[in-house]
Amino acid sequence: MATLTLDPPSAPQRRAGKRTPWQVVGRAVLYVVMVAAAAAILVPFVWMVISSLKNNNQIFTVPIQWIPDPLVWNNYLDIWTKANMTTWLRNTLLLSVVITFLQVLTGSFAAYGFSKVRFRGRDVLFLAYVGTIAVPWQAYMIPQFILMSKLNLSNTLWAMIALQAFSAFGVFLMKQYYESIPEELSEAARIDGLSEYGIWRRVVLPLSGPAVASLTLLTFVNVWNDYLGPLIYLRSPEIWTIQIGLKSLVSQYNAEHALIMTGSVLSVLPIALIFLLGQRYFVQGIATTGVKG
């Protein structure tokens, strides 16, 4: 009867599967640094959640009281009665959804033109457009405000939508991802008689799920957390966003710190949920952006 013998691993194979003491120490130090960094990032959020369950006079006690006594669950009920939380959330959600949709639409469409359509001066125009990212918003904040005032859009949600419907960063992100899609697909679609719009809608856009998810997440978070824009353009309380609304809880002589922390927790929950649901697509989109196919 034949017997099966296994050759022992060679010396290079044994060395490849065995870590040196310095590698083990380095990996351990790396894990310690990552855990410390994660803790430093999470501690403010933990403190915010704990503070939302305290009274006002317990929030800034020294030393920090990490376990509230008593637990003030009524803060999550009072925030809806003492503040116009429903209106703030509705306005913030409306702006976030509309602006995110417009930025993904315009960014992906413009990116297709810059990456798949050849025309004279394309690269120069793209560099000039992307170069606007380097210009700080404070440099053209006043001209924008004057323009919105001349158009009678100031103190309306339309001002925020009009100013943020286009994004140079979105065009850059989508273009870099489109570069990874083989040009042969577009050429085959043109031979089959598809227009450039049809190629974008039926070929390129369906293959760009990770990039679209990344741009959607980044835009939604940016609009949701925007404070300075709504502070400038939204003056009426009925069109305030949640960031401006929470600021209104701070008066000249008093501040509802417990309600502010409660509202902050409620404002973070949608962002955390969206990130958890789209994390896989977000990481994939960032990782593959700029990689040629």
Protein backbone atom coordinates (compact mmCIF):
# COMPACT_ATOMS: atom_id res chain seq x y z
CA MET A 1 0.00 0.00 0.00
CA ALA A 2 1.39 3.37 -1.00
CA THR A 3 2.07 5.84 1.76
CA LEU A 4 1.84 9.63 1.51
CA THR A 5 4.82 11.51 2.85
CA LEU A 6 4.91 15.26 3.44
CA ASP A 7 8.18 17.05 2.91
CA PRO A 8 9.15 19.30 5.83
CA PRO A 9 9.02 23.03 5.08
CA SER A 10 12.21 24.49 3.79
CA ALA A 11 14.26 27.02 5.73
CA PRO A 12 12.98 30.05 3.75
CA GLN A 13 9.39 28.93 4.35
CA ARG A 14 10.02 28.61 8.11
CA ARG A 15 11.61 32.06 8.21
CA ALA A 16 8.71 33.58 6.22
CA GLY A 17 6.10 32.30 8.70
CA LYS A 18 8.02 33.31 11.82
CA ARG A 19 8.14 36.90 13.05
CA THR A 20 11.21 38.38 14.65
CA PRO A 21 10.98 39.85 18.17
CA TRP A 22 11.25 43.37 16.72
CA GLN A 23 8.29 42.69 14.42
CA VAL A 24 6.20 41.44 17.34
CA VAL A 25 7.10 44.50 19.42
CA GLY A 26 6.40 46.82 16.50
CA ARG A 27 3.00 45.27 15.90
CA ALA A 28 2.14 45.50 19.60
CA VAL A 29 3.15 49.18 19.70
CA LEU A 30 1.05 49.82 16.60
CA TYR A 31 -2.00 48.24 18.22
CA VAL A 32 -1.49 50.30 21.39
CA VAL A 33 -1.25 53.52 19.37
CA MET A 34 -4.38 52.66 17.36
CA VAL A 35 -6.35 51.84 20.52
CA ALA A 36 -5.21 55.10 22.13
CA ALA A 37 -6.16 57.09 19.03
CA ALA A 38 -9.57 55.42 18.86
CA ALA A 39 -10.16 56.16 22.55
CA ALA A 40 -9.17 59.81 22.08
CA ILE A 41 -11.69 60.10 19.25
CA LEU A 42 -14.50 58.31 21.07
CA VAL A 43 -14.15 59.98 24.48
CA PRO A 44 -15.83 63.28 23.42
CA PHE A 45 -18.79 61.36 21.95
CA VAL A 46 -19.11 59.23 25.09
CA TRP A 47 -19.02 62.37 27.22
CA MET A 48 -21.70 63.96 25.02
CA VAL A 49 -24.02 60.96 25.39
CA ILE A 50 -23.46 60.83 29.16
CA SER A 51 -24.03 64.60 29.47
CA SER A 52 -27.36 64.27 27.67
CA LEU A 53 -28.55 62.21 30.65
CA LYS A 54 -27.57 64.78 33.30
CA ASN A 55 -28.94 68.00 34.73
CA ASN A 56 -27.40 71.30 33.68
CA ASN A 57 -25.44 71.70 36.92
CA GLN A 58 -23.91 68.20 36.60
CA ILE A 59 -22.39 68.48 33.15
CA PHE A 60 -19.26 70.50 33.95
CA THR A 61 -18.49 69.06 37.39
CA VAL A 62 -14.85 68.38 38.25
CA PRO A 63 -13.92 65.55 38.29
CA ILE A 64 -16.16 64.32 35.50
CA GLN A 65 -19.08 62.24 36.65
CA TRP A 66 -19.05 59.40 34.12
CA ILE A 67 -22.11 57.67 35.57
CA PRO A 68 -25.03 60.11 35.85
CA ASP A 69 -26.92 60.03 39.12
CA PRO A 70 -29.80 60.30 38.57
CA LEU A 71 -30.36 59.43 34.90
CA VAL A 72 -32.39 62.28 33.40
CA TRP A 73 -34.23 60.53 30.57
CA ASN A 74 -36.68 63.42 30.38
CA ASN A 75 -34.11 65.39 28.38
CA TYR A 76 -35.04 63.31 25.33
CA LEU A 77 -38.68 64.30 25.83
CA ASP A 78 -38.11 67.95 26.76
CA ILE A 79 -36.04 68.62 23.64
CA TRP A 80 -39.17 68.17 21.52
CA THR A 81 -41.31 70.49 23.65
CA LYS A 82 -38.81 73.18 24.71
CA ALA A 83 -37.22 73.45 21.27
CA ASN A 84 -38.53 73.32 17.71
CA MET A 85 -36.57 70.13 17.06
CA THR A 86 -38.98 68.74 14.47
CA THR A 87 -38.65 71.81 12.23
CA TRP A 88 -34.88 71.89 12.58
CA LEU A 89 -34.51 68.24 11.65
CA ARG A 90 -36.91 68.57 8.74
CA ASN A 91 -35.06 71.56 7.27
CA THR A 92 -31.68 69.92 7.77
CA LEU A 93 -32.82 66.66 6.20
CA LEU A 94 -34.39 68.50 3.25
CA LEU A 95 -31.24 70.48 2.53
CA SER A 96 -28.98 67.44 2.98
CA VAL A 97 -30.99 65.21 0.64
CA VAL A 98 -31.55 67.82 -2.10
CA ILE A 99 -27.99 69.16 -2.12
CA THR A 100 -26.50 65.66 -2.00
CA PHE A 101 -28.64 64.57 -4.95
CA LEU A 102 -27.68 67.66 -6.99
CA GLN A 103 -23.98 67.35 -6.22
CA VAL A 104 -23.91 63.68 -7.18
CA LEU A 105 -25.86 64.41 -10.37
CA THR A 106 -23.84 67.42 -11.50
CA GLY A 107 -20.53 66.04 -10.27
CA SER A 108 -20.88 62.69 -12.02
CA PHE A 109 -22.12 64.27 -15.25
CA ALA A 110 -19.32 66.84 -15.38
CA ALA A 111 -16.76 64.18 -14.44
CA TYR A 112 -17.87 62.09 -17.41
CA GLY A 113 -17.20 65.00 -19.74
CA PHE A 114 -13.74 65.58 -18.28
CA SER A 115 -12.74 61.90 -18.33
CA LYS A 116 -14.47 60.28 -21.33
CA VAL A 117 -15.17 63.09 -23.80
CA ARG A 118 -12.26 64.60 -25.69
CA PHE A 119 -12.47 68.28 -26.54
CA ARG A 120 -10.03 71.12 -26.93
CA GLY A 121 -8.79 72.64 -23.68
CA ARG A 122 -10.30 69.87 -21.55
CA ASP A 123 -7.33 69.42 -19.22
CA VAL A 124 -6.80 73.16 -18.76
CA LEU A 125 -10.47 73.69 -17.96
CA PHE A 126 -10.43 70.82 -15.48
CA LEU A 127 -7.35 72.14 -13.67
CA ALA A 128 -8.90 75.62 -13.49
CA TYR A 129 -12.14 74.20 -12.12
CA VAL A 130 -10.49 71.95 -9.55
CA GLY A 131 -8.17 74.81 -8.61
CA THR A 132 -11.14 76.59 -7.06
CA ILE A 133 -10.92 74.08 -4.20
CA ALA A 134 -7.80 75.91 -3.02
CA VAL A 135 -9.70 79.21 -2.71
CA PRO A 136 -11.08 79.59 0.84
CA TRP A 137 -14.80 80.19 1.10
CA GLN A 138 -14.21 83.35 3.13
CA ALA A 139 -12.65 84.94 0.03
CA TYR A 140 -15.90 84.90 -1.95
CA MET A 141 -18.41 84.75 0.92
CA ILE A 142 -19.43 88.41 0.62
CA PRO A 143 -19.90 88.39 -3.20
CA GLN A 144 -22.05 85.28 -2.84
CA PHE A 145 -24.20 86.97 -0.20
CA ILE A 146 -24.64 90.04 -2.41
CA LEU A 147 -25.60 87.81 -5.35
CA MET A 148 -28.18 85.90 -3.30
CA SER A 149 -29.60 89.19 -2.03
CA LYS A 150 -29.90 90.57 -5.57
CA LEU A 151 -31.73 87.39 -6.60
CA ASN A 152 -34.08 87.68 -3.59
CA LEU A 153 -32.97 84.25 -2.38
CA SER A 154 -31.50 85.38 0.93
CA ASN A 155 -33.33 84.06 3.99
CA THR A 156 -34.66 81.10 2.00
CA LEU A 157 -33.60 77.48 1.69
CA TRP A 158 -33.12 78.08 -2.03
CA ALA A 159 -29.99 80.11 -1.26
CA MET A 160 -28.31 77.10 0.35
CA ILE A 161 -29.39 74.81 -2.49
CA ALA A 162 -28.21 77.16 -5.24
CA LEU A 163 -24.80 77.74 -3.64
CA GLN A 164 -24.06 74.05 -3.01
CA ALA A 165 -25.61 72.38 -6.05
CA PHE A 166 -22.15 72.11 -7.64
CA SER A 167 -18.94 70.84 -6.11
CA ALA A 168 -15.45 70.88 -7.60
CA PHE A 169 -14.42 68.19 -5.15
CA GLY A 170 -17.27 65.95 -6.33
CA VAL A 171 -16.17 66.37 -9.94
CA PHE A 172 -12.59 65.55 -9.01
CA LEU A 173 -13.59 62.45 -7.03
CA MET A 174 -15.88 61.10 -9.73
CA LYS A 175 -13.41 61.82 -12.54
CA GLN A 176 -10.65 59.93 -10.77
CA TYR A 177 -12.94 56.92 -10.44
CA TYR A 178 -14.13 57.16 -14.06
CA GLU A 179 -10.48 56.91 -15.11
CA SER A 180 -10.46 53.35 -13.74
CA ILE A 181 -13.30 52.29 -16.07
CA PRO A 182 -11.87 50.84 -19.33
CA GLU A 183 -12.27 53.11 -22.33
CA GLU A 184 -13.20 50.07 -24.44
CA LEU A 185 -16.65 50.00 -22.81
CA SER A 186 -17.39 53.54 -23.96
CA GLU A 187 -16.08 52.84 -27.45
CA ALA A 188 -18.25 49.72 -27.74
CA ALA A 189 -21.29 51.70 -26.59
CA ARG A 190 -20.62 54.38 -29.21
CA ILE A 191 -20.39 51.72 -31.91
CA ASP A 192 -23.78 50.40 -30.75
CA GLY A 193 -25.25 53.86 -31.29
CA LEU A 194 -25.50 55.19 -27.74
CA SER A 195 -25.16 58.93 -27.23
CA GLU A 196 -22.75 60.36 -24.69
CA TYR A 197 -25.64 60.87 -22.30
CA GLY A 198 -26.70 57.25 -22.81
CA ILE A 199 -23.16 56.01 -22.16
CA TRP A 200 -23.02 58.00 -18.94
CA ARG A 201 -26.41 56.80 -17.75
CA ARG A 202 -26.30 53.15 -18.89
CA VAL A 203 -22.62 52.23 -18.80
CA VAL A 204 -20.44 54.48 -16.68
CA LEU A 205 -22.78 55.47 -13.86
CA PRO A 206 -23.91 51.89 -12.99
CA LEU A 207 -20.24 50.89 -12.67
CA SER A 208 -19.49 53.77 -10.29
CA GLY A 209 -21.42 52.62 -7.23
CA PRO A 210 -18.52 52.93 -4.74
CA ALA A 211 -17.61 56.44 -5.95
CA VAL A 212 -21.23 57.57 -5.86
CA ALA A 213 -21.58 56.16 -2.34
CA SER A 214 -18.43 57.97 -1.21
CA LEU A 215 -19.53 61.29 -2.67
CA THR A 216 -23.03 60.85 -1.23
CA LEU A 217 -21.73 60.17 2.26
CA LEU A 218 -19.19 63.02 2.25
CA THR A 219 -21.68 65.54 0.86
CA PHE A 220 -24.51 64.51 3.19
CA VAL A 221 -22.28 64.77 6.27
CA ASN A 222 -20.88 68.14 5.16
CA VAL A 223 -24.32 69.66 4.56
CA TRP A 224 -25.80 68.16 7.72
CA ASN A 225 -23.02 69.63 9.89
CA ASP A 226 -22.83 72.99 8.11
CA TYR A 227 -23.11 75.90 10.53
CA LEU A 228 -21.68 79.03 8.94
CA GLY A 229 -23.75 78.85 5.74
CA PRO A 230 -27.15 78.60 7.47
CA LEU A 231 -26.02 81.23 10.00
CA ILE A 232 -25.50 83.73 7.17
CA TYR A 233 -28.49 82.98 4.94
CA LEU A 234 -31.20 81.52 7.20
CA ARG A 235 -32.43 84.21 9.57
CA SER A 236 -36.06 83.17 10.11
CA PRO A 237 -36.57 80.57 12.90
CA GLU A 238 -38.95 78.51 10.74
CA ILE A 239 -36.14 77.69 8.26
CA TRP A 240 -33.33 77.10 10.75
CA THR A 241 -31.28 73.93 10.54
CA ILE A 242 -30.42 71.85 13.58
CA GLN A 243 -26.99 73.47 13.98
CA ILE A 244 -28.48 76.96 14.18
CA GLY A 245 -31.36 75.72 16.30
CA LEU A 246 -29.06 74.24 18.93
CA LYS A 247 -27.16 77.51 19.08
CA SER A 248 -30.44 79.28 19.93
CA LEU A 249 -30.55 77.31 23.19
CA VAL A 250 -27.63 79.45 24.38
CA SER A 251 -28.95 82.81 25.61
CA GLN A 252 -27.10 85.79 27.01
CA TYR A 253 -27.49 84.77 30.64
CA ASN A 254 -28.29 81.09 30.50
CA ALA A 255 -27.64 77.99 28.44
CA GLU A 256 -29.57 74.73 28.33
CA HIS A 257 -26.44 72.57 28.22
CA ALA A 258 -28.31 69.34 28.87
CA LEU A 259 -30.72 70.00 26.00
CA ILE A 260 -27.82 71.03 23.75
CA MET A 261 -26.11 67.71 24.44
CA THR A 262 -29.37 65.85 23.86
CA GLY A 263 -29.93 67.63 20.56
CA SER A 264 -26.33 66.94 19.56
CA VAL A 265 -26.82 63.22 20.18
CA LEU A 266 -29.97 63.24 18.06
CA SER A 267 -28.18 65.11 15.28
CA VAL A 268 -25.29 62.62 15.26
CA LEU A 269 -27.50 59.51 15.06
CA PRO A 270 -28.52 59.89 11.36
CA ILE A 271 -24.91 60.47 10.34
CA ALA A 272 -23.71 57.44 12.29
CA LEU A 273 -26.45 55.28 10.79
CA ILE A 274 -25.69 56.36 7.23
CA PHE A 275 -21.97 55.78 7.73
CA LEU A 276 -22.51 52.30 9.15
CA LEU A 277 -24.77 51.34 6.25
CA GLY A 278 -22.46 52.72 3.56
CA GLN A 279 -19.07 52.09 5.14
CA ARG A 280 -18.16 49.22 2.80
CA TYR A 281 -18.94 51.24 -0.33
CA PHE A 282 -17.23 54.33 1.09
CA VAL A 283 -13.96 52.51 1.79
CA GLN A 284 -14.08 50.78 -1.59
CA GLY A 285 -14.72 54.03 -3.41
CA ILE A 286 -11.85 55.85 -1.71
CA ALA A 287 -9.47 52.90 -2.16
CA THR A 288 -10.15 52.54 -5.89
CA THR A 289 -10.25 56.24 -6.78
CA GLY A 290 -7.42 57.05 -9.14
CA VAL A 291 -6.54 53.43 -9.93
CA LYS A 292 -6.47 52.91 -13.66
CA GLY A 293 -8.30 49.88 -14.99
